[in-house]
Amino acid sequence: MVRQKEPQLDIEGAERLAIEGLAFLASEPEELGRFLALVGLGPETLRDAANDPGFLTAVLEYFLENEALLLVFAARANIRPTLIAAARYLLDRDFHE
């Protein structure tokens, strides 16, 4: 598989990646249910939570804690799995500054 050159990741790119990850989870109802249970949310509060930078960090963290899921998402998004860790770092750093 040939990957396109990935642009340098910034906060907006990290947020987009987390939102892509959330959309991926939404396409996998069992995974979405597991994720929502871990973060203590219900489907009715998902839209509001998606605007919270801490929530977006949690989305990326969820992938980092499940290597098989991480690899499937990275393959579908056509990115290196390590880009998810980099995005998580950027969002977490931005959230705590």
C-alpha atoms as a PDB file:
ATOM      1  CA  MET A   1       0.000   0.000   0.000  1.00  0.00           C
ATOM      2  CA  VAL A   2       1.351   3.413  -0.966  1.00  0.00           C
ATOM      3  CA  ARG A   3       0.500   6.186   1.421  1.00  0.00           C
ATOM      4  CA  GLN A   4       0.349   9.796   0.456  1.00  0.00           C
ATOM      5  CA  LYS A   5       2.804  12.047   2.230  1.00  0.00           C
ATOM      6  CA  GLU A   6       1.154  13.127   5.453  1.00  0.00           C
ATOM      7  CA  PRO A   7       1.154  16.852   6.154  1.00  0.00           C
ATOM      8  CA  GLN A   8       2.742  18.128   9.328  1.00  0.00           C
ATOM      9  CA  LEU A   9       0.217  17.649  12.104  1.00  0.00           C
ATOM     10  CA  ASP A  10      -1.168  20.721  13.886  1.00  0.00           C
ATOM     11  CA  ILE A  11      -3.995  21.152  16.426  1.00  0.00           C
ATOM     12  CA  GLU A  12      -6.663  21.405  13.727  1.00  0.00           C
ATOM     13  CA  GLY A  13      -5.335  18.289  12.035  1.00  0.00           C
ATOM     14  CA  ALA A  14      -5.294  16.439  15.357  1.00  0.00           C
ATOM     15  CA  GLU A  15      -8.899  17.474  15.978  1.00  0.00           C
ATOM     16  CA  ARG A  16      -9.904  16.315  12.487  1.00  0.00           C
ATOM     17  CA  LEU A  17      -8.204  12.986  13.091  1.00  0.00           C
ATOM     18  CA  ALA A  18     -10.058  12.544  16.402  1.00  0.00           C
ATOM     19  CA  ILE A  19     -13.358  13.371  14.693  1.00  0.00           C
ATOM     20  CA  GLU A  20     -12.536  10.827  11.961  1.00  0.00           C
ATOM     21  CA  GLY A  21     -11.850   8.340  14.743  1.00  0.00           C
ATOM     22  CA  LEU A  22     -15.201   9.112  16.319  1.00  0.00           C
ATOM     23  CA  ALA A  23     -16.934   8.613  12.965  1.00  0.00           C
ATOM     24  CA  PHE A  24     -15.126   5.289  12.626  1.00  0.00           C
ATOM     25  CA  LEU A  25     -16.350   4.252  16.089  1.00  0.00           C
ATOM     26  CA  ALA A  26     -19.880   5.299  15.134  1.00  0.00           C
ATOM     27  CA  SER A  27     -19.685   2.878  12.209  1.00  0.00           C
ATOM     28  CA  GLU A  28     -18.860   0.084  14.670  1.00  0.00           C
ATOM     29  CA  PRO A  29     -21.796   0.085  17.153  1.00  0.00           C
ATOM     30  CA  GLU A  30     -20.194  -2.369  19.576  1.00  0.00           C
ATOM     31  CA  GLU A  31     -16.991  -0.321  19.772  1.00  0.00           C
ATOM     32  CA  LEU A  32     -18.939   2.917  20.101  1.00  0.00           C
ATOM     33  CA  GLY A  33     -20.952   1.444  22.972  1.00  0.00           C
ATOM     34  CA  ARG A  34     -17.777   0.279  24.715  1.00  0.00           C
ATOM     35  CA  PHE A  35     -16.148   3.690  24.257  1.00  0.00           C
ATOM     36  CA  LEU A  36     -19.189   5.597  25.534  1.00  0.00           C
ATOM     37  CA  ALA A  37     -19.393   3.332  28.569  1.00  0.00           C
ATOM     38  CA  LEU A  38     -15.716   3.970  29.352  1.00  0.00           C
ATOM     39  CA  VAL A  39     -16.070   7.750  29.151  1.00  0.00           C
ATOM     40  CA  GLY A  40     -19.416   7.747  30.944  1.00  0.00           C
ATOM     41  CA  LEU A  41     -21.553   9.195  28.153  1.00  0.00           C
ATOM     42  CA  GLY A  42     -24.728   8.166  26.418  1.00  0.00           C
ATOM     43  CA  PRO A  43     -25.546   8.536  22.730  1.00  0.00           C
ATOM     44  CA  GLU A  44     -27.732  11.559  23.530  1.00  0.00           C
ATOM     45  CA  THR A  45     -24.752  13.554  24.879  1.00  0.00           C
ATOM     46  CA  LEU A  46     -22.266  12.547  22.200  1.00  0.00           C
ATOM     47  CA  ARG A  47     -22.727  15.608  19.979  1.00  0.00           C
ATOM     48  CA  ASP A  48     -22.117  18.046  22.844  1.00  0.00           C
ATOM     49  CA  ALA A  49     -19.109  16.077  24.092  1.00  0.00           C
ATOM     50  CA  ALA A  50     -17.491  16.142  20.643  1.00  0.00           C
ATOM     51  CA  ASN A  51     -16.886  19.884  21.096  1.00  0.00           C
ATOM     52  CA  ASP A  52     -14.751  19.267  24.198  1.00  0.00           C
ATOM     53  CA  PRO A  53     -10.987  18.989  23.524  1.00  0.00           C
ATOM     54  CA  GLY A  54     -10.671  16.527  26.402  1.00  0.00           C
ATOM     55  CA  PHE A  55     -13.228  14.289  24.732  1.00  0.00           C
ATOM     56  CA  LEU A  56     -11.314  14.317  21.456  1.00  0.00           C
ATOM     57  CA  THR A  57      -8.194  13.316  23.374  1.00  0.00           C
ATOM     58  CA  ALA A  58     -10.165  10.435  24.894  1.00  0.00           C
ATOM     59  CA  VAL A  59     -11.203   9.251  21.425  1.00  0.00           C
ATOM     60  CA  LEU A  60      -7.577   8.981  20.347  1.00  0.00           C
ATOM     61  CA  GLU A  61      -6.586   7.406  23.669  1.00  0.00           C
ATOM     62  CA  TYR A  62      -9.218   4.728  23.114  1.00  0.00           C
ATOM     63  CA  PHE A  63      -7.494   3.693  19.882  1.00  0.00           C
ATOM     64  CA  LEU A  64      -4.094   3.700  21.550  1.00  0.00           C
ATOM     65  CA  GLU A  65      -5.364   1.281  24.186  1.00  0.00           C
ATOM     66  CA  ASN A  66      -6.597  -1.231  21.585  1.00  0.00           C
ATOM     67  CA  GLU A  67      -3.891  -2.073  19.060  1.00  0.00           C
ATOM     68  CA  ALA A  68      -6.117  -4.157  16.786  1.00  0.00           C
ATOM     69  CA  LEU A  69      -8.662  -1.340  16.545  1.00  0.00           C
ATOM     70  CA  LEU A  70      -5.865   1.198  16.078  1.00  0.00           C
ATOM     71  CA  LEU A  71      -4.459  -0.738  13.132  1.00  0.00           C
ATOM     72  CA  VAL A  72      -7.852  -1.120  11.444  1.00  0.00           C
ATOM     73  CA  PHE A  73      -8.625   2.594  11.835  1.00  0.00           C
ATOM     74  CA  ALA A  74      -5.159   3.636  10.620  1.00  0.00           C
ATOM     75  CA  ALA A  75      -5.487   1.394   7.570  1.00  0.00           C
ATOM     76  CA  ARG A  76      -8.934   2.774   6.709  1.00  0.00           C
ATOM     77  CA  ALA A  77      -7.740   6.353   7.227  1.00  0.00           C
ATOM     78  CA  ASN A  78      -4.591   5.587   5.197  1.00  0.00           C
ATOM     79  CA  ILE A  79      -2.287   6.945   7.914  1.00  0.00           C
ATOM     80  CA  ARG A  80       0.562   5.626  10.025  1.00  0.00           C
ATOM     81  CA  PRO A  81      -0.683   4.376  13.421  1.00  0.00           C
ATOM     82  CA  THR A  82       1.919   6.581  15.116  1.00  0.00           C
ATOM     83  CA  LEU A  83       0.107   9.651  13.779  1.00  0.00           C
ATOM     84  CA  ILE A  84      -2.705   8.883  16.222  1.00  0.00           C
ATOM     85  CA  ALA A  85      -0.262   9.014  19.138  1.00  0.00           C
ATOM     86  CA  ALA A  86       1.131  12.302  17.849  1.00  0.00           C
ATOM     87  CA  ALA A  87      -2.369  13.771  17.527  1.00  0.00           C
ATOM     88  CA  ARG A  88      -3.254  12.623  21.036  1.00  0.00           C
ATOM     89  CA  TYR A  89      -0.120  14.301  22.370  1.00  0.00           C
ATOM     90  CA  LEU A  90      -0.945  17.572  20.605  1.00  0.00           C
ATOM     91  CA  LEU A  91      -4.523  17.645  21.857  1.00  0.00           C
ATOM     92  CA  ASP A  92      -3.552  16.722  25.403  1.00  0.00           C
ATOM     93  CA  ARG A  93      -0.801  19.344  25.481  1.00  0.00           C
ATOM     94  CA  ASP A  94      -3.126  22.006  24.094  1.00  0.00           C
ATOM     95  CA  PHE A  95      -5.837  21.057  26.603  1.00  0.00           C
ATOM     96  CA  HIS A  96      -3.483  21.478  29.590  1.00  0.00           C
ATOM     97  CA  GLU A  97      -1.858  24.765  28.550  1.00  0.00           C
END
